[in-house]
N, C-alpha and C. Protein backbone atom coordinates (compact mmCIF):
# COMPACT_ATOMS: atom_id res chain seq x y z
N UNK A 1 0.95 -1.05 -0.03
CA UNK A 1 0.04 -0.06 -0.12
C UNK A 1 0.89 1.23 -0.10
N UNK A 2 0.68 2.08 -0.73
CA UNK A 2 1.45 3.40 -1.06
C UNK A 2 0.51 4.73 -0.43
N UNK A 3 1.11 5.20 0.43
CA UNK A 3 0.71 6.52 1.03
C UNK A 3 1.37 8.07 0.39
N UNK A 4 0.84 9.09 -0.23
CA UNK A 4 1.36 9.90 -0.87
C UNK A 4 0.43 11.26 -0.93
N UNK A 5 0.95 12.18 -0.95
CA UNK A 5 -0.22 13.47 -1.29
C UNK A 5 0.41 14.16 -2.34
N UNK A 6 -0.12 14.54 -3.52
CA UNK A 6 0.42 15.12 -4.77
C UNK A 6 -0.13 16.44 -4.63
N UNK A 7 0.76 17.41 -5.25
CA UNK A 7 0.19 18.62 -5.29
C UNK A 7 0.60 19.15 -6.80
N UNK A 8 -0.14 19.61 -7.49
CA UNK A 8 0.34 19.94 -9.03
C UNK A 8 1.61 20.89 -9.03
N UNK A 9 2.50 20.14 -9.71
CA UNK A 9 3.86 20.90 -9.77
C UNK A 9 4.73 21.03 -8.80
N UNK A 10 4.59 20.12 -7.71
CA UNK A 10 5.26 20.07 -6.44
C UNK A 10 5.89 18.77 -6.49
N UNK A 11 6.99 18.70 -5.48
CA UNK A 11 7.54 17.59 -5.31
C UNK A 11 6.88 16.65 -4.19
N UNK A 12 6.82 15.30 -4.15
CA UNK A 12 6.19 14.71 -2.99
C UNK A 12 7.00 13.56 -2.65
N UNK A 13 7.24 13.00 -1.54
CA UNK A 13 7.78 11.61 -1.09
C UNK A 13 6.56 10.51 -1.22
N UNK A 14 7.21 9.40 -1.87
CA UNK A 14 6.29 8.21 -1.81
C UNK A 14 6.91 7.33 -0.43
N UNK A 15 6.16 6.79 0.23
CA UNK A 15 6.69 5.79 1.14
C UNK A 15 5.69 4.74 1.09
N UNK A 16 6.46 3.43 1.01
CA UNK A 16 5.86 2.19 0.89
C UNK A 16 5.53 1.90 2.46
N UNK A 17 4.39 1.26 2.78
CA UNK A 17 4.53 0.78 4.28
C UNK A 17 4.84 -0.74 4.27
N UNK A 18 4.91 -1.28 3.16
CA UNK A 18 5.45 -2.60 3.38
C UNK A 18 6.99 -2.85 3.34
N UNK A 19 7.50 -1.60 2.71
CA UNK A 19 8.92 -1.68 2.90
C UNK A 19 9.50 -0.67 3.53
N UNK A 20 10.93 -0.50 3.85
CA UNK A 20 11.72 0.65 4.58
C UNK A 20 12.35 1.57 3.67
N UNK A 21 11.69 1.69 2.52
CA UNK A 21 12.33 2.56 1.32
C UNK A 21 11.58 3.77 0.99
N UNK A 22 11.96 4.76 0.42
CA UNK A 22 11.27 5.96 0.13
C UNK A 22 11.98 6.54 -1.34
N UNK A 23 11.15 7.23 -2.09
CA UNK A 23 11.45 7.85 -3.28
C UNK A 23 10.92 9.24 -3.55
N UNK A 24 11.77 9.99 -3.76
CA UNK A 24 11.33 11.28 -4.39
C UNK A 24 10.80 11.35 -5.58
N UNK A 25 9.74 11.80 -5.90
CA UNK A 25 9.21 11.93 -7.50
C UNK A 25 8.76 13.21 -7.57
N UNK A 26 8.93 13.82 -8.83
CA UNK A 26 8.51 15.01 -9.31
C UNK A 26 7.10 14.81 -10.04
N UNK A 27 5.99 15.57 -9.67
CA UNK A 27 4.90 15.36 -10.45
C UNK A 27 4.74 16.53 -11.44
N UNK A 28 4.81 16.20 -12.68
CA UNK A 28 4.74 16.92 -14.14
C UNK A 28 3.56 16.76 -14.61
N UNK A 29 2.64 17.92 -14.66
CA UNK A 29 1.23 18.09 -15.35
C UNK A 29 1.58 17.64 -16.75
N UNK A 30 0.76 17.01 -17.45
CA UNK A 30 0.80 16.95 -18.82
C UNK A 30 0.57 18.32 -19.65
N UNK A 31 -0.23 19.38 -18.79
CA UNK A 31 -0.54 20.40 -19.64
C UNK A 31 0.62 21.39 -19.83
N UNK A 32 1.70 21.24 -19.01
CA UNK A 32 2.70 22.10 -18.93
C UNK A 32 4.16 21.74 -19.20
N UNK A 33 4.48 21.17 -20.30
CA UNK A 33 5.57 20.27 -20.58
C UNK A 33 6.99 21.33 -20.59
N UNK A 34 6.72 22.30 -20.99
CA UNK A 34 7.73 23.35 -21.28
C UNK A 34 8.31 23.84 -19.60
N UNK A 35 9.58 24.01 -19.93
CA UNK A 35 10.31 24.46 -18.57
C UNK A 35 10.10 25.77 -18.46
N UNK A 36 9.68 26.04 -17.09
CA UNK A 36 9.45 27.43 -16.53
C UNK A 36 10.91 28.00 -16.16
N UNK A 37 11.15 29.53 -16.45
CA UNK A 37 12.19 30.22 -15.95
C UNK A 37 12.23 30.07 -14.54
N UNK A 38 11.00 30.33 -13.60
CA UNK A 38 10.98 30.43 -12.47
C UNK A 38 9.89 30.10 -11.90
N UNK A 39 9.50 29.66 -10.62
CA UNK A 39 8.23 29.61 -9.91
C UNK A 39 7.55 30.77 -9.89
N UNK A 40 8.22 31.87 -10.10
CA UNK A 40 7.41 33.08 -9.77
C UNK A 40 6.29 33.33 -10.39
N UNK A 41 4.78 33.40 -9.72
CA UNK A 41 3.66 33.61 -10.54
C UNK A 41 3.54 34.59 -11.51
N UNK A 42 4.28 35.57 -11.76
CA UNK A 42 4.16 36.61 -12.78
C UNK A 42 5.06 36.04 -13.92
N UNK A 43 6.11 35.49 -13.59
CA UNK A 43 7.17 34.97 -14.63
C UNK A 43 5.96 33.68 -15.38
N UNK A 44 5.27 32.89 -14.61
CA UNK A 44 4.70 31.86 -15.05
C UNK A 44 3.70 32.56 -15.86
N UNK A 45 2.73 33.50 -15.36
CA UNK A 45 1.86 34.01 -16.32
C UNK A 45 2.15 34.53 -17.54
N UNK A 46 3.39 35.07 -17.59
CA UNK A 46 4.06 35.83 -18.73
C UNK A 46 4.29 34.80 -19.79
N UNK A 47 4.75 33.51 -19.20
CA UNK A 47 5.06 32.48 -19.96
C UNK A 47 3.70 32.17 -20.88
N UNK A 48 2.69 32.46 -20.37
CA UNK A 48 1.24 31.85 -20.89
C UNK A 48 0.80 33.21 -22.09
N UNK A 49 0.87 34.34 -21.36
CA UNK A 49 0.11 35.32 -21.94
C UNK A 49 1.04 36.42 -22.11
N UNK A 50 2.20 36.75 -21.94
CA UNK A 50 3.11 37.61 -22.15
C UNK A 50 3.63 38.19 -23.30
N UNK A 51 3.29 37.66 -24.71
CA UNK A 51 3.53 37.91 -26.04
C UNK A 51 2.70 39.11 -26.33
N UNK A 52 3.02 39.54 -27.50
CA UNK A 52 2.48 41.11 -27.88
C UNK A 52 0.96 40.89 -28.19
N UNK A 53 0.66 39.60 -28.93
CA UNK A 53 -0.72 39.38 -29.09
C UNK A 53 -1.79 38.75 -28.36
N UNK A 54 -1.46 37.74 -27.48
CA UNK A 54 -2.46 36.98 -26.61
C UNK A 54 -3.23 37.88 -25.99
N UNK A 55 -2.78 38.86 -25.07
CA UNK A 55 -3.94 39.57 -24.15
C UNK A 55 -4.81 40.29 -25.24
N UNK A 56 -4.55 40.71 -26.51
CA UNK A 56 -5.08 41.38 -27.23
C UNK A 56 -6.08 40.48 -27.81
N UNK A 57 -5.93 39.14 -28.05
CA UNK A 57 -7.07 38.19 -28.42
C UNK A 57 -8.04 37.92 -27.26
N UNK A 58 -7.54 37.80 -26.30
CA UNK A 58 -8.25 37.94 -25.09
C UNK A 58 -9.05 38.95 -24.84
N UNK A 59 -8.86 40.29 -25.01
CA UNK A 59 -9.51 41.35 -24.92
C UNK A 59 -10.59 41.31 -26.08
N UNK A 60 -10.37 40.84 -27.17
CA UNK A 60 -11.42 40.96 -28.19
C UNK A 60 -12.57 39.84 -27.77
N UNK A 61 -11.90 38.85 -27.25
CA UNK A 61 -13.01 37.66 -26.94
C UNK A 61 -13.99 38.24 -25.84
N UNK A 62 -13.47 39.09 -24.86
CA UNK A 62 -13.97 39.34 -23.49
C UNK A 62 -14.87 40.46 -23.59
N UNK A 63 -14.50 41.63 -24.50
CA UNK A 63 -15.11 42.72 -24.62
C UNK A 63 -15.61 43.28 -25.87
N UNK A 64 -15.07 42.50 -26.96
CA UNK A 64 -15.43 43.13 -28.16
C UNK A 64 -16.53 42.07 -28.84
N UNK A 65 -16.48 41.04 -28.34
CA UNK A 65 -17.50 39.93 -28.83
C UNK A 65 -17.21 39.32 -29.93
N UNK A 66 -15.82 39.29 -30.39
CA UNK A 66 -15.04 38.46 -31.43
C UNK A 66 -15.26 36.91 -31.06
N UNK A 67 -15.37 36.04 -32.18
CA UNK A 67 -15.34 34.82 -31.91
C UNK A 67 -14.58 34.00 -32.95
N UNK A 68 -14.58 34.47 -34.24
CA UNK A 68 -13.83 33.86 -35.29
C UNK A 68 -12.53 34.26 -35.58
N UNK A 69 -11.70 33.44 -36.44
CA UNK A 69 -10.42 34.06 -36.80
C UNK A 69 -10.53 35.27 -37.76
N UNK A 70 -11.71 35.29 -38.55
CA UNK A 70 -11.94 36.74 -39.16
C UNK A 70 -12.16 37.70 -38.39
N UNK A 71 -12.84 37.61 -37.38
CA UNK A 71 -12.97 38.73 -36.50
C UNK A 71 -11.66 39.35 -35.78
N UNK A 72 -10.76 38.21 -35.68
CA UNK A 72 -9.67 38.66 -34.89
C UNK A 72 -8.74 39.73 -36.11
N UNK A 73 -8.78 38.92 -37.27
CA UNK A 73 -8.02 39.63 -38.32
C UNK A 73 -8.53 40.75 -38.62
N UNK A 74 -9.62 41.31 -38.51
CA UNK A 74 -10.39 42.41 -38.65
C UNK A 74 -10.14 43.49 -37.54
N UNK A 75 -9.50 42.99 -36.56
CA UNK A 75 -9.49 43.96 -35.34
C UNK A 75 -8.82 45.37 -35.41
N UNK A 76 -7.95 45.28 -36.40
CA UNK A 76 -7.21 46.65 -36.81
C UNK A 76 -5.92 46.51 -35.92
N UNK A 77 -5.60 45.57 -35.27
CA UNK A 77 -4.23 45.63 -34.82
C UNK A 77 -3.18 44.98 -35.79
N UNK A 78 -3.35 44.52 -36.84
CA UNK A 78 -2.48 44.21 -37.96
C UNK A 78 -1.80 42.92 -37.67
N UNK A 79 -2.45 41.88 -37.01
CA UNK A 79 -1.66 40.67 -36.49
C UNK A 79 -1.81 39.72 -38.01
N UNK A 80 -0.55 39.08 -38.23
CA UNK A 80 -0.41 38.39 -39.48
C UNK A 80 -0.98 37.12 -39.18
N UNK A 81 -1.53 36.46 -40.14
CA UNK A 81 -2.65 35.21 -39.95
C UNK A 81 -1.64 34.06 -39.53
N UNK A 82 -0.63 34.11 -39.88
CA UNK A 82 0.51 32.96 -39.19
C UNK A 82 0.71 33.06 -37.69
N UNK A 83 0.79 34.41 -37.14
CA UNK A 83 0.95 34.60 -35.79
C UNK A 83 -0.44 34.43 -35.09
N UNK A 84 -1.52 34.86 -35.74
CA UNK A 84 -2.97 34.71 -35.19
C UNK A 84 -3.15 33.17 -34.83
N UNK A 85 -2.84 32.40 -36.23
CA UNK A 85 -3.09 30.95 -35.98
C UNK A 85 -2.32 30.31 -34.66
N UNK A 86 -1.09 31.00 -34.41
CA UNK A 86 -0.01 30.33 -33.58
C UNK A 86 -0.79 30.53 -32.01
N UNK A 87 -0.92 32.05 -32.03
CA UNK A 87 -1.34 32.50 -30.79
C UNK A 87 -2.75 31.81 -30.33
N UNK A 88 -3.73 31.55 -31.00
CA UNK A 88 -5.10 30.95 -30.92
C UNK A 88 -4.50 29.51 -30.35
N UNK A 89 -3.47 28.77 -31.07
CA UNK A 89 -3.30 27.30 -30.86
C UNK A 89 -2.72 27.44 -29.20
N UNK A 90 -1.53 28.60 -29.16
CA UNK A 90 -1.03 28.63 -27.59
C UNK A 90 -2.30 28.86 -26.64
N UNK A 91 -2.96 29.75 -26.89
CA UNK A 91 -4.20 29.81 -25.96
C UNK A 91 -5.09 28.83 -25.67
N UNK A 92 -5.43 28.03 -26.56
CA UNK A 92 -5.92 26.85 -26.34
C UNK A 92 -5.20 25.72 -25.74
N UNK A 93 -4.17 25.55 -25.88
CA UNK A 93 -3.08 24.73 -25.19
C UNK A 93 -2.99 25.07 -23.66
N UNK A 94 -2.88 26.38 -23.41
CA UNK A 94 -2.90 26.76 -22.13
C UNK A 94 -4.12 26.72 -21.30
N UNK A 95 -5.34 26.34 -22.09
CA UNK A 95 -6.59 26.41 -21.22
C UNK A 95 -7.17 27.64 -21.15
N UNK A 96 -6.85 28.74 -21.88
CA UNK A 96 -7.29 30.07 -21.77
C UNK A 96 -8.57 30.26 -22.58
N UNK A 97 -8.63 29.76 -23.73
CA UNK A 97 -9.59 29.63 -24.76
C UNK A 97 -9.99 28.24 -24.98
N UNK A 98 -11.38 28.02 -25.70
CA UNK A 98 -11.66 26.94 -26.19
C UNK A 98 -12.22 27.06 -27.71
N UNK A 99 -12.25 26.18 -28.55
CA UNK A 99 -12.60 26.27 -30.00
C UNK A 99 -13.84 25.45 -29.97
N UNK A 100 -15.11 25.81 -30.64
CA UNK A 100 -16.09 25.15 -30.90
C UNK A 100 -16.40 25.09 -32.28
N UNK A 101 -17.00 24.20 -32.97
CA UNK A 101 -17.85 24.12 -34.10
C UNK A 101 -18.96 24.98 -33.94
N UNK A 102 -19.40 25.59 -35.07
CA UNK A 102 -20.28 26.57 -35.11
C UNK A 102 -21.57 25.60 -35.60
N UNK A 103 -22.69 25.60 -34.74
CA UNK A 103 -23.78 24.67 -35.16
C UNK A 103 -24.24 24.82 -36.53
N UNK A 104 -24.62 26.05 -37.23
CA UNK A 104 -25.00 25.97 -38.42
C UNK A 104 -23.92 25.80 -39.66
N UNK A 105 -22.70 25.70 -39.38
CA UNK A 105 -21.67 25.44 -40.12
C UNK A 105 -20.47 24.90 -39.37
N UNK A 106 -20.52 23.92 -39.49
CA UNK A 106 -19.54 22.81 -38.74
C UNK A 106 -17.91 23.49 -38.99
N UNK A 107 -17.69 23.89 -40.40
CA UNK A 107 -16.51 24.23 -40.75
C UNK A 107 -15.75 25.54 -40.02
N UNK A 108 -17.01 26.23 -39.87
CA UNK A 108 -16.53 27.66 -38.83
C UNK A 108 -15.98 27.11 -37.50
N UNK A 109 -15.25 27.77 -36.95
CA UNK A 109 -14.94 27.54 -35.64
C UNK A 109 -14.95 28.96 -34.92
N UNK A 110 -15.56 28.76 -33.61
CA UNK A 110 -15.84 29.98 -32.80
C UNK A 110 -15.05 29.82 -31.63
N UNK A 111 -14.34 30.73 -31.14
CA UNK A 111 -13.44 30.80 -29.96
C UNK A 111 -14.12 31.27 -28.75
N UNK A 112 -13.88 30.84 -27.66
CA UNK A 112 -14.52 31.22 -26.57
C UNK A 112 -13.48 31.12 -25.24
N UNK A 113 -13.56 32.34 -24.48
CA UNK A 113 -12.87 32.29 -23.14
C UNK A 113 -13.33 30.93 -22.26
N UNK A 114 -12.30 30.25 -21.73
CA UNK A 114 -12.74 29.52 -20.76
C UNK A 114 -12.60 30.12 -19.23
N UNK A 115 -13.05 29.50 -18.07
CA UNK A 115 -13.17 30.01 -16.87
C UNK A 115 -11.53 30.69 -16.48
N UNK A 116 -10.84 30.03 -16.79
CA UNK A 116 -9.31 30.53 -16.62
C UNK A 116 -9.13 31.73 -17.50
N UNK A 117 -9.77 31.86 -18.83
CA UNK A 117 -9.68 32.88 -19.35
C UNK A 117 -10.23 34.18 -18.98
N UNK A 118 -11.67 34.07 -18.69
CA UNK A 118 -12.43 35.04 -17.92
C UNK A 118 -11.80 35.57 -16.88
N UNK A 119 -11.04 35.01 -16.24
CA UNK A 119 -10.47 35.20 -14.78
C UNK A 119 -9.29 36.39 -15.06
N UNK A 120 -8.94 36.67 -16.33
CA UNK A 120 -7.99 37.43 -16.64
C UNK A 120 -8.90 38.90 -16.85
N UNK A 121 -10.15 38.97 -16.42
CA UNK A 121 -10.89 40.41 -16.75
C UNK A 121 -10.40 41.43 -15.76
N UNK A 122 -10.03 40.90 -14.68
CA UNK A 122 -9.53 42.17 -13.83
C UNK A 122 -8.20 42.53 -14.26
N UNK A 123 -7.24 41.85 -14.77
CA UNK A 123 -6.10 42.02 -15.24
C UNK A 123 -6.15 43.11 -16.38
N UNK A 124 -6.92 42.75 -17.41
CA UNK A 124 -7.03 43.43 -18.57
C UNK A 124 -7.59 44.75 -18.07
N UNK A 125 -8.71 44.97 -17.34
CA UNK A 125 -9.40 46.31 -16.94
C UNK A 125 -8.20 47.11 -16.17
N UNK A 126 -7.25 46.56 -15.39
CA UNK A 126 -6.18 47.43 -14.77
C UNK A 126 -5.57 48.12 -15.76
N UNK A 127 -4.97 46.87 -16.75
CA UNK A 127 -4.10 47.40 -17.75
C UNK A 127 -4.68 48.44 -18.67
N UNK A 128 -5.99 48.48 -19.02
CA UNK A 128 -6.78 49.33 -19.75
C UNK A 128 -6.43 50.62 -19.30
N UNK A 129 -6.84 50.68 -17.80
CA UNK A 129 -6.83 52.08 -16.90
C UNK A 129 -5.50 52.30 -16.61
N UNK A 130 -4.48 51.54 -16.57
CA UNK A 130 -3.17 51.98 -16.60
C UNK A 130 -2.53 52.65 -17.74
N UNK A 131 -2.78 51.87 -18.87
CA UNK A 131 -2.65 52.67 -20.44
C UNK A 131 -3.27 53.87 -20.64
N UNK A 132 -4.40 54.08 -20.11
CA UNK A 132 -5.35 55.28 -20.46
C UNK A 132 -4.71 56.37 -19.46
N UNK A 133 -4.26 56.03 -18.08
CA UNK A 133 -3.51 57.01 -17.31
C UNK A 133 -2.12 57.66 -17.80
N UNK A 134 -1.37 56.56 -18.46
CA UNK A 134 -0.01 56.94 -18.46
C UNK A 134 0.18 57.07 -20.11
N UNK A 135 -0.50 56.93 -20.86
CA UNK A 135 -0.29 57.06 -22.42
C UNK A 135 -1.68 58.04 -22.91
N UNK A 136 -1.49 58.08 -24.28
CA UNK A 136 -2.56 58.87 -24.91
C UNK A 136 -3.37 57.61 -25.84
N UNK A 137 -4.56 57.27 -25.18
CA UNK A 137 -4.99 56.16 -25.60
C UNK A 137 -6.13 56.61 -26.85
N UNK A 138 -7.16 55.65 -27.44
CA UNK A 138 -7.65 56.45 -28.46
C UNK A 138 -9.11 56.08 -27.80
N UNK A 139 -9.19 55.63 -26.42
CA UNK A 139 -10.63 55.69 -25.90
C UNK A 139 -10.95 56.84 -25.52
N UNK A 140 -12.45 57.17 -25.39
CA UNK A 140 -12.95 58.32 -25.21
C UNK A 140 -12.68 58.55 -23.58
N UNK A 141 -12.40 59.67 -23.00
CA UNK A 141 -12.11 59.73 -21.42
C UNK A 141 -13.10 59.38 -20.66
N UNK A 142 -14.40 59.73 -21.07
CA UNK A 142 -15.53 59.49 -20.27
C UNK A 142 -15.87 57.85 -20.00
N UNK A 143 -15.53 57.28 -21.15
CA UNK A 143 -15.78 55.64 -20.97
C UNK A 143 -14.82 55.11 -19.95
N UNK A 144 -13.39 55.95 -20.10
CA UNK A 144 -12.47 55.31 -19.09
C UNK A 144 -12.74 55.67 -17.55
N UNK A 145 -12.95 56.84 -17.48
CA UNK A 145 -13.38 57.36 -16.27
C UNK A 145 -14.77 56.61 -15.29
N UNK A 146 -15.64 56.22 -16.25
CA UNK A 146 -16.58 55.77 -15.85
C UNK A 146 -16.16 54.23 -15.41
N UNK A 147 -15.22 53.49 -16.15
CA UNK A 147 -14.86 52.21 -15.91
C UNK A 147 -14.12 52.23 -14.44
N UNK A 148 -13.21 53.25 -14.31
CA UNK A 148 -12.20 53.36 -13.02
C UNK A 148 -13.37 53.79 -11.91
N UNK A 149 -14.26 54.24 -11.96
CA UNK A 149 -15.08 54.37 -10.94
C UNK A 149 -15.92 53.39 -10.72
N UNK A 150 -16.32 52.44 -11.61
CA UNK A 150 -16.97 51.42 -11.35
C UNK A 150 -16.59 50.08 -11.61
N UNK A 151 -15.44 49.93 -11.34
CA UNK A 151 -14.53 48.60 -11.59
C UNK A 151 -15.41 47.33 -11.18
N UNK A 152 -16.04 47.17 -10.29
CA UNK A 152 -16.92 46.05 -9.87
C UNK A 152 -17.90 45.82 -10.99
N UNK A 153 -18.60 46.75 -11.10
CA UNK A 153 -19.71 46.55 -11.89
C UNK A 153 -19.23 46.31 -13.33
N UNK A 154 -18.28 46.83 -13.82
CA UNK A 154 -17.51 46.40 -15.20
C UNK A 154 -17.28 45.04 -15.05
N UNK A 155 -16.51 44.42 -14.24
CA UNK A 155 -16.16 43.05 -13.98
C UNK A 155 -17.33 42.05 -13.90
N UNK A 156 -18.28 42.54 -13.14
CA UNK A 156 -19.49 41.84 -13.12
C UNK A 156 -20.30 41.80 -14.57
N UNK A 157 -20.44 42.85 -15.35
CA UNK A 157 -20.92 42.76 -16.67
C UNK A 157 -20.11 41.83 -17.65
N UNK A 158 -18.93 42.12 -17.49
CA UNK A 158 -17.99 41.15 -18.41
C UNK A 158 -18.40 39.84 -18.18
N UNK A 159 -18.16 39.27 -16.76
CA UNK A 159 -18.41 38.11 -16.45
C UNK A 159 -19.77 37.54 -16.77
N UNK A 160 -21.00 38.37 -16.69
CA UNK A 160 -22.13 37.95 -17.01
C UNK A 160 -22.36 37.71 -18.53
N UNK A 161 -21.92 38.60 -19.33
CA UNK A 161 -21.74 38.24 -20.69
C UNK A 161 -21.23 37.03 -21.03
N UNK A 162 -19.89 36.80 -20.48
CA UNK A 162 -19.23 35.33 -20.80
C UNK A 162 -20.25 34.26 -20.33
N UNK A 163 -20.81 34.27 -19.20
CA UNK A 163 -21.90 33.20 -18.64
C UNK A 163 -23.07 33.03 -19.43
N UNK A 164 -23.53 33.86 -20.03
CA UNK A 164 -24.82 33.96 -21.03
C UNK A 164 -24.30 34.00 -22.54
N UNK A 165 -23.07 33.84 -22.83
CA UNK A 165 -22.53 33.74 -24.15
C UNK A 165 -23.31 34.80 -24.78
N UNK A 166 -23.05 36.15 -24.39
CA UNK A 166 -23.65 37.20 -24.76
C UNK A 166 -22.46 37.92 -25.51
N UNK A 167 -22.48 38.01 -27.07
CA UNK A 167 -21.43 38.30 -27.77
C UNK A 167 -21.62 39.88 -28.13
N UNK A 168 -22.64 40.60 -27.62
CA UNK A 168 -22.53 42.15 -27.94
C UNK A 168 -21.26 42.66 -27.32
N UNK A 169 -20.72 43.49 -28.13
CA UNK A 169 -19.46 44.44 -27.75
C UNK A 169 -19.68 45.13 -26.57
N UNK A 170 -18.84 44.84 -25.45
CA UNK A 170 -18.99 45.76 -24.15
C UNK A 170 -18.29 47.03 -24.64
N UNK A 171 -17.03 46.93 -25.00
CA UNK A 171 -16.25 48.33 -25.55
C UNK A 171 -16.36 48.58 -27.18
N UNK A 172 -16.30 49.82 -27.43
CA UNK A 172 -16.10 50.30 -29.09
C UNK A 172 -14.83 49.78 -29.31
N UNK A 173 -14.85 49.69 -30.68
CA UNK A 173 -13.50 49.69 -31.04
C UNK A 173 -12.83 51.16 -31.24
N UNK A 174 -11.64 51.18 -30.31
CA UNK A 174 -11.22 52.42 -30.27
C UNK A 174 -10.52 53.12 -31.33
N UNK A 175 -10.20 54.34 -31.24
CA UNK A 175 -9.65 55.24 -32.40
C UNK A 175 -8.10 54.96 -32.51
N UNK A 176 -7.63 54.91 -33.62
CA UNK A 176 -6.34 54.97 -33.75
C UNK A 176 -5.53 56.15 -32.81
N UNK A 177 -4.56 55.99 -32.30
CA UNK A 177 -3.76 56.91 -31.70
C UNK A 177 -2.84 57.56 -32.68
N UNK A 178 -2.04 58.54 -32.42
CA UNK A 178 -0.92 59.43 -33.01
C UNK A 178 0.05 58.19 -33.31
N UNK A 179 0.28 57.19 -32.60
CA UNK A 179 1.62 56.29 -33.07
C UNK A 179 1.06 55.39 -33.94
N UNK A 180 -0.32 55.29 -34.36
CA UNK A 180 -0.80 54.25 -35.21
C UNK A 180 -1.43 53.00 -34.89
N UNK A 181 -1.39 52.72 -33.59
CA UNK A 181 -2.06 51.43 -33.20
C UNK A 181 -3.54 51.89 -32.60
N UNK A 182 -4.18 50.81 -31.94
CA UNK A 182 -5.43 51.14 -31.55
C UNK A 182 -5.50 50.51 -30.12
N UNK A 183 -6.37 51.06 -29.37
CA UNK A 183 -6.40 50.64 -28.06
C UNK A 183 -7.18 49.45 -27.81
């Protein structure tokens, strides 16, 4: 009989009651075979979503109602199709999004945030507010001010829309800034 306790990503000891031997085993989840730079939660998070495009895809799913590859291509960010395909695959592999065949046309794929993905809503909101505070965004000041004053309500509405599969855009497409990008 073996007695042991496992914690995802942690070391644990196995001790056999019938023998006087023990062994140390590293439990490795099949989800993350990539070696991490460190165990720091910020570093681990950046390994998943820290590239130039991933959070923009999450943003578009979360607040713009985008669902398809074509929607993301038309976002105005200028992402190349090969990079978009790669980021969608990585976000799926990380459990942040899921892909579902459309009922009307099985060839068409709709992307959707998972619970893990929607949990990024507070991060995106704070990043949006930080960017508006320190840079010149294309978002209307009134919209940003309301979001800053009503963080809890904004997050509740974003989660409600996700739970109800409501693809109505929560935020408009922002105007291009002087530097050429959109917010």
